[in-house]
């Protein structure tokens, strides 16, 4: 399975998870290739709107290009949504990390399994927040 297919399947998994808990959720196809900023998925209930960038990795750290996170934040601000990153590390559940809680390097942002456990939320925690 290609890397692109794995990413699409991960996004679809989250879409199903949110709908199963009565949150409206849309996957935005081609989100990384548009000239306008857009998240991978948009999620909402009556009280909250979430713009989420989704990633899966077999590594212990996941890096994001600065421009990717800045675009997510810009979209969320314009849309009136919270900006989140959802990361699924190998042999772990999904972690949801606020973009404000990502660690920053000179060229990128990142999260690790340890940081995600400490600063991130599991799915049930996110939707009950």
C-alpha atoms as a PDB file:
ATOM      1  CA  UNK A   1       0.000   0.000   0.000  1.00  0.00           C
ATOM      2  CA  UNK A   2       1.359   3.419  -0.920  1.00  0.00           C
ATOM      3  CA  UNK A   3       2.090   6.114   1.642  1.00  0.00           C
ATOM      4  CA  UNK A   4      -0.681   8.240   0.131  1.00  0.00           C
ATOM      5  CA  UNK A   5      -3.189   5.386   0.484  1.00  0.00           C
ATOM      6  CA  UNK A   6      -2.193   4.864   4.114  1.00  0.00           C
ATOM      7  CA  UNK A   7      -2.773   8.551   4.813  1.00  0.00           C
ATOM      8  CA  UNK A   8      -6.158   8.538   3.095  1.00  0.00           C
ATOM      9  CA  UNK A   9      -7.197   5.438   5.048  1.00  0.00           C
ATOM     10  CA  UNK A  10      -6.106   7.094   8.302  1.00  0.00           C
ATOM     11  CA  UNK A  11      -8.195  10.178   7.494  1.00  0.00           C
ATOM     12  CA  UNK A  12     -11.198   7.974   6.680  1.00  0.00           C
ATOM     13  CA  UNK A  13     -10.762   6.096   9.957  1.00  0.00           C
ATOM     14  CA  UNK A  14     -11.068   9.388  11.838  1.00  0.00           C
ATOM     15  CA  UNK A  15     -14.098  10.436   9.787  1.00  0.00           C
ATOM     16  CA  UNK A  16     -15.862   7.208  10.824  1.00  0.00           C
ATOM     17  CA  UNK A  17     -14.824   7.648  14.465  1.00  0.00           C
ATOM     18  CA  UNK A  18     -16.278  11.159  14.638  1.00  0.00           C
ATOM     19  CA  UNK A  19     -19.537  10.254  12.863  1.00  0.00           C
ATOM     20  CA  UNK A  20     -19.951   7.280  15.225  1.00  0.00           C
ATOM     21  CA  UNK A  21     -19.978   9.779  18.120  1.00  0.00           C
ATOM     22  CA  UNK A  22     -22.450  12.161  16.380  1.00  0.00           C
ATOM     23  CA  UNK A  23     -19.900  14.724  15.267  1.00  0.00           C
ATOM     24  CA  UNK A  24     -20.205  15.918  11.668  1.00  0.00           C
ATOM     25  CA  UNK A  25     -16.931  15.263   9.869  1.00  0.00           C
ATOM     26  CA  UNK A  26     -15.675  15.829   6.327  1.00  0.00           C
ATOM     27  CA  UNK A  27     -12.458  14.685   4.716  1.00  0.00           C
ATOM     28  CA  UNK A  28     -11.023  17.344   2.417  1.00  0.00           C
ATOM     29  CA  UNK A  29      -9.559  15.546  -0.586  1.00  0.00           C
ATOM     30  CA  UNK A  30      -6.333  17.055  -1.892  1.00  0.00           C
ATOM     31  CA  UNK A  31      -5.937  19.195   1.205  1.00  0.00           C
ATOM     32  CA  UNK A  32      -2.157  19.290   0.852  1.00  0.00           C
ATOM     33  CA  UNK A  33      -2.176  20.236  -2.817  1.00  0.00           C
ATOM     34  CA  UNK A  34      -4.532  23.224  -2.855  1.00  0.00           C
ATOM     35  CA  UNK A  35      -3.151  26.729  -3.188  1.00  0.00           C
ATOM     36  CA  UNK A  36      -5.386  27.687  -0.271  1.00  0.00           C
ATOM     37  CA  UNK A  37      -4.794  26.442   3.263  1.00  0.00           C
ATOM     38  CA  UNK A  38      -7.051  23.571   4.284  1.00  0.00           C
ATOM     39  CA  UNK A  39      -6.985  20.842   6.916  1.00  0.00           C
ATOM     40  CA  UNK A  40      -7.284  17.119   6.229  1.00  0.00           C
ATOM     41  CA  UNK A  41     -10.604  16.911   8.049  1.00  0.00           C
ATOM     42  CA  UNK A  42     -13.169  19.368   9.406  1.00  0.00           C
ATOM     43  CA  UNK A  43     -15.165  18.305  12.446  1.00  0.00           C
ATOM     44  CA  UNK A  44     -18.036  19.951  14.298  1.00  0.00           C
ATOM     45  CA  UNK A  45     -20.828  19.480  16.751  1.00  0.00           C
ATOM     46  CA  UNK A  46     -23.181  22.191  17.977  1.00  0.00           C
ATOM     47  CA  UNK A  47     -20.525  23.678  20.239  1.00  0.00           C
ATOM     48  CA  UNK A  48     -17.101  23.240  18.632  1.00  0.00           C
ATOM     49  CA  UNK A  49     -15.373  23.311  15.248  1.00  0.00           C
ATOM     50  CA  UNK A  50     -12.064  21.496  14.750  1.00  0.00           C
ATOM     51  CA  UNK A  51      -9.632  21.748  11.826  1.00  0.00           C
ATOM     52  CA  UNK A  52      -7.390  18.687  11.964  1.00  0.00           C
ATOM     53  CA  UNK A  53      -4.223  17.667  10.129  1.00  0.00           C
ATOM     54  CA  UNK A  54      -3.897  13.840  10.249  1.00  0.00           C
ATOM     55  CA  UNK A  55      -0.675  11.819  10.181  1.00  0.00           C
ATOM     56  CA  UNK A  56       0.374   8.231  10.774  1.00  0.00           C
ATOM     57  CA  UNK A  57       3.938   7.131  11.391  1.00  0.00           C
ATOM     58  CA  UNK A  58       5.984   4.126  12.387  1.00  0.00           C
ATOM     59  CA  UNK A  59       8.596   6.445  13.931  1.00  0.00           C
ATOM     60  CA  UNK A  60       8.709   7.755  17.518  1.00  0.00           C
ATOM     61  CA  UNK A  61       8.578  11.382  16.312  1.00  0.00           C
ATOM     62  CA  UNK A  62       6.487  13.094  13.666  1.00  0.00           C
ATOM     63  CA  UNK A  63       7.777  16.275  12.022  1.00  0.00           C
ATOM     64  CA  UNK A  64       5.639  18.877  10.237  1.00  0.00           C
ATOM     65  CA  UNK A  65       6.837  21.569   7.893  1.00  0.00           C
ATOM     66  CA  UNK A  66       6.401  24.998   9.422  1.00  0.00           C
ATOM     67  CA  UNK A  67       4.372  26.175   6.444  1.00  0.00           C
ATOM     68  CA  UNK A  68       1.956  23.234   6.909  1.00  0.00           C
ATOM     69  CA  UNK A  69       1.219  24.142  10.542  1.00  0.00           C
ATOM     70  CA  UNK A  70       1.053  27.873   9.827  1.00  0.00           C
ATOM     71  CA  UNK A  71      -1.450  27.187   7.022  1.00  0.00           C
ATOM     72  CA  UNK A  72      -3.553  25.027   9.360  1.00  0.00           C
ATOM     73  CA  UNK A  73      -3.566  27.795  11.976  1.00  0.00           C
ATOM     74  CA  UNK A  74      -4.524  30.400   9.363  1.00  0.00           C
ATOM     75  CA  UNK A  75      -7.394  28.295   8.057  1.00  0.00           C
ATOM     76  CA  UNK A  76      -8.650  27.596  11.591  1.00  0.00           C
ATOM     77  CA  UNK A  77      -8.532  31.271  12.498  1.00  0.00           C
ATOM     78  CA  UNK A  78     -10.460  32.317   9.380  1.00  0.00           C
ATOM     79  CA  UNK A  79     -12.978  29.475   9.796  1.00  0.00           C
ATOM     80  CA  UNK A  80     -13.448  30.011  13.523  1.00  0.00           C
ATOM     81  CA  UNK A  81     -12.138  26.550  14.423  1.00  0.00           C
ATOM     82  CA  UNK A  82      -9.616  25.056  16.806  1.00  0.00           C
ATOM     83  CA  UNK A  83      -6.434  23.824  15.101  1.00  0.00           C
ATOM     84  CA  UNK A  84      -5.320  20.285  15.976  1.00  0.00           C
ATOM     85  CA  UNK A  85      -2.925  17.649  14.724  1.00  0.00           C
ATOM     86  CA  UNK A  86      -3.990  13.999  14.971  1.00  0.00           C
ATOM     87  CA  UNK A  87      -1.083  11.543  15.037  1.00  0.00           C
ATOM     88  CA  UNK A  88      -1.209   7.780  15.171  1.00  0.00           C
ATOM     89  CA  UNK A  89       2.118   6.254  16.111  1.00  0.00           C
ATOM     90  CA  UNK A  90       2.713   2.552  15.456  1.00  0.00           C
ATOM     91  CA  UNK A  91       1.086   0.416  18.179  1.00  0.00           C
ATOM     92  CA  UNK A  92      -0.619   3.472  19.760  1.00  0.00           C
ATOM     93  CA  UNK A  93      -4.055   5.043  19.664  1.00  0.00           C
ATOM     94  CA  UNK A  94      -4.719   8.362  17.980  1.00  0.00           C
ATOM     95  CA  UNK A  95      -3.349  11.374  19.836  1.00  0.00           C
ATOM     96  CA  UNK A  96      -4.779  14.839  19.264  1.00  0.00           C
ATOM     97  CA  UNK A  97      -2.320  17.654  19.893  1.00  0.00           C
ATOM     98  CA  UNK A  98      -3.218  21.318  19.816  1.00  0.00           C
ATOM     99  CA  UNK A  99      -0.965  23.164  17.380  1.00  0.00           C
ATOM    100  CA  UNK A 100       0.034  25.347  20.338  1.00  0.00           C
ATOM    101  CA  UNK A 101       1.494  22.268  22.070  1.00  0.00           C
ATOM    102  CA  UNK A 102       3.741  21.169  19.191  1.00  0.00           C
ATOM    103  CA  UNK A 103       7.452  21.522  19.789  1.00  0.00           C
ATOM    104  CA  UNK A 104       9.324  23.871  17.453  1.00  0.00           C
ATOM    105  CA  UNK A 105      12.711  23.565  15.798  1.00  0.00           C
ATOM    106  CA  UNK A 106      14.341  26.047  13.444  1.00  0.00           C
ATOM    107  CA  UNK A 107      12.726  24.460  10.367  1.00  0.00           C
ATOM    108  CA  UNK A 108       9.755  22.477  11.642  1.00  0.00           C
ATOM    109  CA  UNK A 109       7.320  21.505  14.357  1.00  0.00           C
ATOM    110  CA  UNK A 110       7.183  18.043  15.845  1.00  0.00           C
ATOM    111  CA  UNK A 111       5.642  15.778  18.413  1.00  0.00           C
ATOM    112  CA  UNK A 112       6.901  12.522  19.862  1.00  0.00           C
ATOM    113  CA  UNK A 113       5.143   9.586  21.461  1.00  0.00           C
ATOM    114  CA  UNK A 114       6.188  10.864  24.899  1.00  0.00           C
ATOM    115  CA  UNK A 115       5.133  14.442  24.226  1.00  0.00           C
ATOM    116  CA  UNK A 116       1.851  13.298  22.685  1.00  0.00           C
ATOM    117  CA  UNK A 117       1.068  11.204  25.763  1.00  0.00           C
ATOM    118  CA  UNK A 118       1.830  14.171  28.037  1.00  0.00           C
ATOM    119  CA  UNK A 119       0.299  17.055  26.075  1.00  0.00           C
ATOM    120  CA  UNK A 120      -2.121  15.363  23.706  1.00  0.00           C
ATOM    121  CA  UNK A 121      -5.609  14.010  24.142  1.00  0.00           C
ATOM    122  CA  UNK A 122      -7.021  10.630  23.238  1.00  0.00           C
ATOM    123  CA  UNK A 123     -10.155  10.598  21.043  1.00  0.00           C
ATOM    124  CA  UNK A 124     -12.623  10.304  23.929  1.00  0.00           C
ATOM    125  CA  UNK A 125     -10.881  13.116  25.809  1.00  0.00           C
ATOM    126  CA  UNK A 126     -10.989  15.397  22.757  1.00  0.00           C
ATOM    127  CA  UNK A 127     -14.684  14.996  22.112  1.00  0.00           C
ATOM    128  CA  UNK A 128     -15.581  15.491  25.785  1.00  0.00           C
ATOM    129  CA  UNK A 129     -13.391  18.588  26.214  1.00  0.00           C
END
